[in-house]
Amino acid sequence: MDKLERSVRIDPQRLKITMTAAGIHTDKELAEKAKITIRTITNVKKFGTCSWDAWNSIASAIGCNPIDLLITQGYPDPKLVTLAALLT
């Protein structure tokens, strides 16, 4: 199994939005709640990837569906589509 199969692509912008919505304001606070290192959070925000375990821990700490944090290549962000529909 290569590295890509063991990692998940997370959208750093979605991570920031869900953190704010959950009232989590710092990477340190998220790391403590997720029981992972602050370096992992920094790397997720910088590179947009993490392990499956870190992805699950982050989503649980934020209280969101893990799918809300993913990048899905070739598909539009469903939230953006919904917002665009409301604006027209």
N, C-alpha and C. Protein backbone atom coordinates (compact mmCIF):
# COMPACT_ATOMS: atom_id res chain seq x y z
N MET A 1 0.86 -1.17 0.00
CA MET A 1 0.00 0.00 0.00
C MET A 1 0.90 1.23 0.00
N ASP A 2 0.71 2.15 -0.94
CA ASP A 2 1.56 3.33 -0.97
C ASP A 2 1.00 4.44 -0.09
N LYS A 3 1.76 5.52 0.01
CA LYS A 3 1.42 6.62 0.93
C LYS A 3 0.05 7.23 0.63
N LEU A 4 -0.29 7.38 -0.66
CA LEU A 4 -1.56 7.99 -1.02
C LEU A 4 -2.75 7.19 -0.52
N GLU A 5 -2.63 5.89 -0.49
CA GLU A 5 -3.73 5.06 -0.03
C GLU A 5 -3.92 5.12 1.48
N ARG A 6 -2.90 5.57 2.20
CA ARG A 6 -2.99 5.63 3.64
C ARG A 6 -3.30 7.04 4.14
N SER A 7 -3.50 7.97 3.22
CA SER A 7 -3.76 9.34 3.64
C SER A 7 -5.06 9.86 3.04
N VAL A 8 -5.54 10.93 3.62
CA VAL A 8 -6.79 11.55 3.21
C VAL A 8 -6.47 12.99 2.83
N ARG A 9 -7.11 13.49 1.77
CA ARG A 9 -6.93 14.89 1.37
C ARG A 9 -8.01 15.73 2.04
N ILE A 10 -7.57 16.63 2.89
CA ILE A 10 -8.48 17.51 3.62
C ILE A 10 -8.32 18.92 3.08
N ASP A 11 -9.44 19.61 2.96
CA ASP A 11 -9.43 21.00 2.52
C ASP A 11 -9.13 21.89 3.73
N PRO A 12 -7.97 22.56 3.75
CA PRO A 12 -7.62 23.41 4.90
C PRO A 12 -8.66 24.51 5.16
N GLN A 13 -9.27 25.03 4.11
CA GLN A 13 -10.29 26.07 4.30
C GLN A 13 -11.52 25.51 5.01
N ARG A 14 -11.93 24.32 4.62
CA ARG A 14 -13.07 23.69 5.31
C ARG A 14 -12.73 23.40 6.76
N LEU A 15 -11.48 23.01 7.01
CA LEU A 15 -11.05 22.76 8.38
C LEU A 15 -11.16 24.03 9.21
N LYS A 16 -10.68 25.15 8.67
CA LYS A 16 -10.75 26.42 9.40
C LYS A 16 -12.19 26.82 9.68
N ILE A 17 -13.06 26.66 8.69
CA ILE A 17 -14.48 27.02 8.85
C ILE A 17 -15.14 26.17 9.92
N THR A 18 -14.92 24.86 9.87
CA THR A 18 -15.56 23.98 10.85
C THR A 18 -14.99 24.20 12.25
N MET A 19 -13.71 24.53 12.34
CA MET A 19 -13.13 24.86 13.64
C MET A 19 -13.81 26.09 14.23
N THR A 20 -13.96 27.12 13.43
CA THR A 20 -14.59 28.36 13.89
C THR A 20 -16.03 28.10 14.31
N ALA A 21 -16.75 27.34 13.50
CA ALA A 21 -18.14 27.03 13.81
C ALA A 21 -18.27 26.26 15.12
N ALA A 22 -17.25 25.46 15.44
CA ALA A 22 -17.26 24.67 16.68
C ALA A 22 -16.70 25.46 17.87
N GLY A 23 -16.28 26.69 17.63
CA GLY A 23 -15.74 27.50 18.72
C GLY A 23 -14.31 27.15 19.08
N ILE A 24 -13.61 26.51 18.16
CA ILE A 24 -12.20 26.17 18.38
C ILE A 24 -11.38 27.20 17.62
N HIS A 25 -10.57 27.97 18.36
CA HIS A 25 -9.91 29.12 17.76
C HIS A 25 -8.42 28.95 17.50
N THR A 26 -7.81 27.91 18.06
CA THR A 26 -6.37 27.73 17.84
C THR A 26 -6.07 26.28 17.45
N ASP A 27 -4.94 26.13 16.79
CA ASP A 27 -4.49 24.78 16.43
C ASP A 27 -4.19 23.97 17.69
N LYS A 28 -3.65 24.63 18.70
CA LYS A 28 -3.34 23.95 19.95
C LYS A 28 -4.61 23.39 20.60
N GLU A 29 -5.66 24.19 20.59
CA GLU A 29 -6.93 23.75 21.17
C GLU A 29 -7.48 22.54 20.41
N LEU A 30 -7.41 22.58 19.09
CA LEU A 30 -7.89 21.45 18.29
C LEU A 30 -7.04 20.21 18.55
N ALA A 31 -5.73 20.38 18.60
CA ALA A 31 -4.83 19.24 18.85
C ALA A 31 -5.15 18.58 20.18
N GLU A 32 -5.38 19.40 21.21
CA GLU A 32 -5.70 18.85 22.52
C GLU A 32 -7.03 18.10 22.51
N LYS A 33 -8.04 18.68 21.86
CA LYS A 33 -9.35 18.02 21.80
C LYS A 33 -9.30 16.73 20.98
N ALA A 34 -8.50 16.75 19.90
CA ALA A 34 -8.39 15.58 19.02
C ALA A 34 -7.40 14.54 19.54
N LYS A 35 -6.64 14.92 20.58
CA LYS A 35 -5.61 14.04 21.14
C LYS A 35 -4.57 13.63 20.10
N ILE A 36 -4.16 14.64 19.31
CA ILE A 36 -3.08 14.46 18.34
C ILE A 36 -2.11 15.63 18.52
N THR A 37 -0.99 15.58 17.84
CA THR A 37 0.00 16.63 18.01
C THR A 37 -0.37 17.88 17.24
N ILE A 38 0.12 19.01 17.74
CA ILE A 38 -0.11 20.27 17.04
C ILE A 38 0.59 20.24 15.68
N ARG A 39 1.69 19.50 15.59
CA ARG A 39 2.39 19.36 14.31
C ARG A 39 1.49 18.71 13.26
N THR A 40 0.68 17.74 13.67
CA THR A 40 -0.25 17.11 12.74
C THR A 40 -1.24 18.14 12.21
N ILE A 41 -1.77 18.97 13.09
CA ILE A 41 -2.72 20.02 12.66
C ILE A 41 -2.03 20.98 11.71
N THR A 42 -0.82 21.40 12.06
CA THR A 42 -0.06 22.31 11.19
C THR A 42 0.17 21.70 9.82
N ASN A 43 0.53 20.43 9.78
CA ASN A 43 0.77 19.75 8.51
C ASN A 43 -0.51 19.61 7.69
N VAL A 44 -1.62 19.34 8.35
CA VAL A 44 -2.90 19.25 7.63
C VAL A 44 -3.20 20.60 6.96
N LYS A 45 -3.01 21.67 7.71
CA LYS A 45 -3.30 23.00 7.15
C LYS A 45 -2.31 23.39 6.05
N LYS A 46 -1.07 22.92 6.17
CA LYS A 46 -0.05 23.28 5.19
C LYS A 46 -0.10 22.41 3.94
N PHE A 47 -0.24 21.09 4.13
CA PHE A 47 -0.16 20.15 3.01
C PHE A 47 -1.50 19.59 2.57
N GLY A 48 -2.52 19.68 3.43
CA GLY A 48 -3.85 19.19 3.07
C GLY A 48 -4.02 17.69 3.13
N THR A 49 -3.13 17.00 3.82
CA THR A 49 -3.27 15.55 3.95
C THR A 49 -3.03 15.12 5.39
N CYS A 50 -3.59 13.98 5.73
CA CYS A 50 -3.34 13.37 7.04
C CYS A 50 -3.73 11.91 6.98
N SER A 51 -3.45 11.21 8.05
CA SER A 51 -3.81 9.79 8.12
C SER A 51 -5.31 9.65 8.36
N TRP A 52 -5.81 8.46 8.11
CA TRP A 52 -7.23 8.19 8.36
C TRP A 52 -7.56 8.39 9.84
N ASP A 53 -6.66 7.96 10.71
CA ASP A 53 -6.89 8.11 12.15
C ASP A 53 -6.94 9.57 12.57
N ALA A 54 -6.01 10.39 12.05
CA ALA A 54 -6.01 11.81 12.37
C ALA A 54 -7.27 12.48 11.85
N TRP A 55 -7.69 12.12 10.65
CA TRP A 55 -8.91 12.67 10.04
C TRP A 55 -10.11 12.39 10.95
N ASN A 56 -10.24 11.17 11.41
CA ASN A 56 -11.35 10.80 12.29
C ASN A 56 -11.27 11.55 13.63
N SER A 57 -10.07 11.66 14.18
CA SER A 57 -9.89 12.37 15.45
C SER A 57 -10.23 13.85 15.33
N ILE A 58 -9.81 14.46 14.24
CA ILE A 58 -10.10 15.88 14.01
C ILE A 58 -11.60 16.10 13.87
N ALA A 59 -12.24 15.29 13.06
CA ALA A 59 -13.69 15.44 12.86
C ALA A 59 -14.45 15.23 14.17
N SER A 60 -14.05 14.24 14.95
CA SER A 60 -14.70 13.98 16.24
C SER A 60 -14.52 15.16 17.19
N ALA A 61 -13.33 15.72 17.22
CA ALA A 61 -13.05 16.85 18.11
C ALA A 61 -13.86 18.08 17.71
N ILE A 62 -14.04 18.27 16.42
CA ILE A 62 -14.80 19.42 15.93
C ILE A 62 -16.31 19.17 16.06
N GLY A 63 -16.68 17.90 15.99
CA GLY A 63 -18.10 17.56 16.05
C GLY A 63 -18.76 17.66 14.69
N CYS A 64 -18.00 17.34 13.65
CA CYS A 64 -18.57 17.40 12.30
C CYS A 64 -18.47 16.03 11.64
N ASN A 65 -19.16 15.88 10.54
CA ASN A 65 -19.05 14.68 9.73
C ASN A 65 -17.68 14.70 9.05
N PRO A 66 -16.91 13.64 9.12
CA PRO A 66 -15.59 13.64 8.48
C PRO A 66 -15.64 14.01 7.00
N ILE A 67 -16.72 13.66 6.33
CA ILE A 67 -16.87 13.97 4.91
C ILE A 67 -16.84 15.48 4.67
N ASP A 68 -17.27 16.26 5.65
CA ASP A 68 -17.28 17.72 5.51
C ASP A 68 -15.89 18.31 5.34
N LEU A 69 -14.85 17.55 5.67
CA LEU A 69 -13.49 18.06 5.59
C LEU A 69 -12.75 17.66 4.32
N LEU A 70 -13.34 16.79 3.53
CA LEU A 70 -12.64 16.21 2.38
C LEU A 70 -12.65 17.08 1.13
N ILE A 71 -11.62 16.88 0.33
CA ILE A 71 -11.56 17.42 -1.03
C ILE A 71 -11.99 16.28 -1.95
N THR A 72 -12.94 16.54 -2.80
CA THR A 72 -13.38 15.54 -3.76
C THR A 72 -13.08 16.06 -5.15
N GLN A 73 -12.01 15.53 -5.73
CA GLN A 73 -11.58 15.99 -7.04
C GLN A 73 -12.67 15.79 -8.09
N GLY A 74 -12.90 16.82 -8.89
CA GLY A 74 -13.85 16.72 -9.98
C GLY A 74 -15.29 17.00 -9.60
N TYR A 75 -15.56 17.25 -8.33
CA TYR A 75 -16.92 17.52 -7.89
C TYR A 75 -16.95 18.86 -7.17
N PRO A 76 -17.99 19.65 -7.42
CA PRO A 76 -18.08 20.94 -6.74
C PRO A 76 -18.41 20.75 -5.26
N ASP A 77 -18.07 21.74 -4.48
CA ASP A 77 -18.41 21.73 -3.06
C ASP A 77 -19.92 21.84 -2.95
N PRO A 78 -20.61 20.86 -2.35
CA PRO A 78 -22.07 20.91 -2.29
C PRO A 78 -22.59 22.14 -1.57
N LYS A 79 -21.85 22.63 -0.60
CA LYS A 79 -22.29 23.83 0.12
C LYS A 79 -22.24 25.05 -0.78
N LEU A 80 -21.22 25.13 -1.64
CA LEU A 80 -21.14 26.26 -2.56
C LEU A 80 -22.25 26.21 -3.59
N VAL A 81 -22.60 25.04 -4.05
CA VAL A 81 -23.69 24.89 -5.01
C VAL A 81 -24.99 25.35 -4.37
N THR A 82 -25.23 24.96 -3.13
CA THR A 82 -26.43 25.33 -2.42
C THR A 82 -26.49 26.84 -2.21
N LEU A 83 -25.37 27.44 -1.79
CA LEU A 83 -25.34 28.88 -1.59
C LEU A 83 -25.55 29.63 -2.91
N ALA A 84 -24.96 29.15 -3.97
CA ALA A 84 -25.14 29.78 -5.28
C ALA A 84 -26.60 29.73 -5.71
N ALA A 85 -27.26 28.61 -5.44
CA ALA A 85 -28.67 28.48 -5.80
C ALA A 85 -29.54 29.45 -5.01
N LEU A 86 -29.18 29.71 -3.77
CA LEU A 86 -29.95 30.63 -2.95
C LEU A 86 -29.78 32.07 -3.41
N LEU A 87 -28.62 32.38 -4.00
CA LEU A 87 -28.34 33.75 -4.43
C LEU A 87 -28.96 34.10 -5.77
N THR A 88 -29.39 33.10 -6.54
CA THR A 88 -29.97 33.40 -7.86
C THR A 88 -31.47 33.55 -7.80
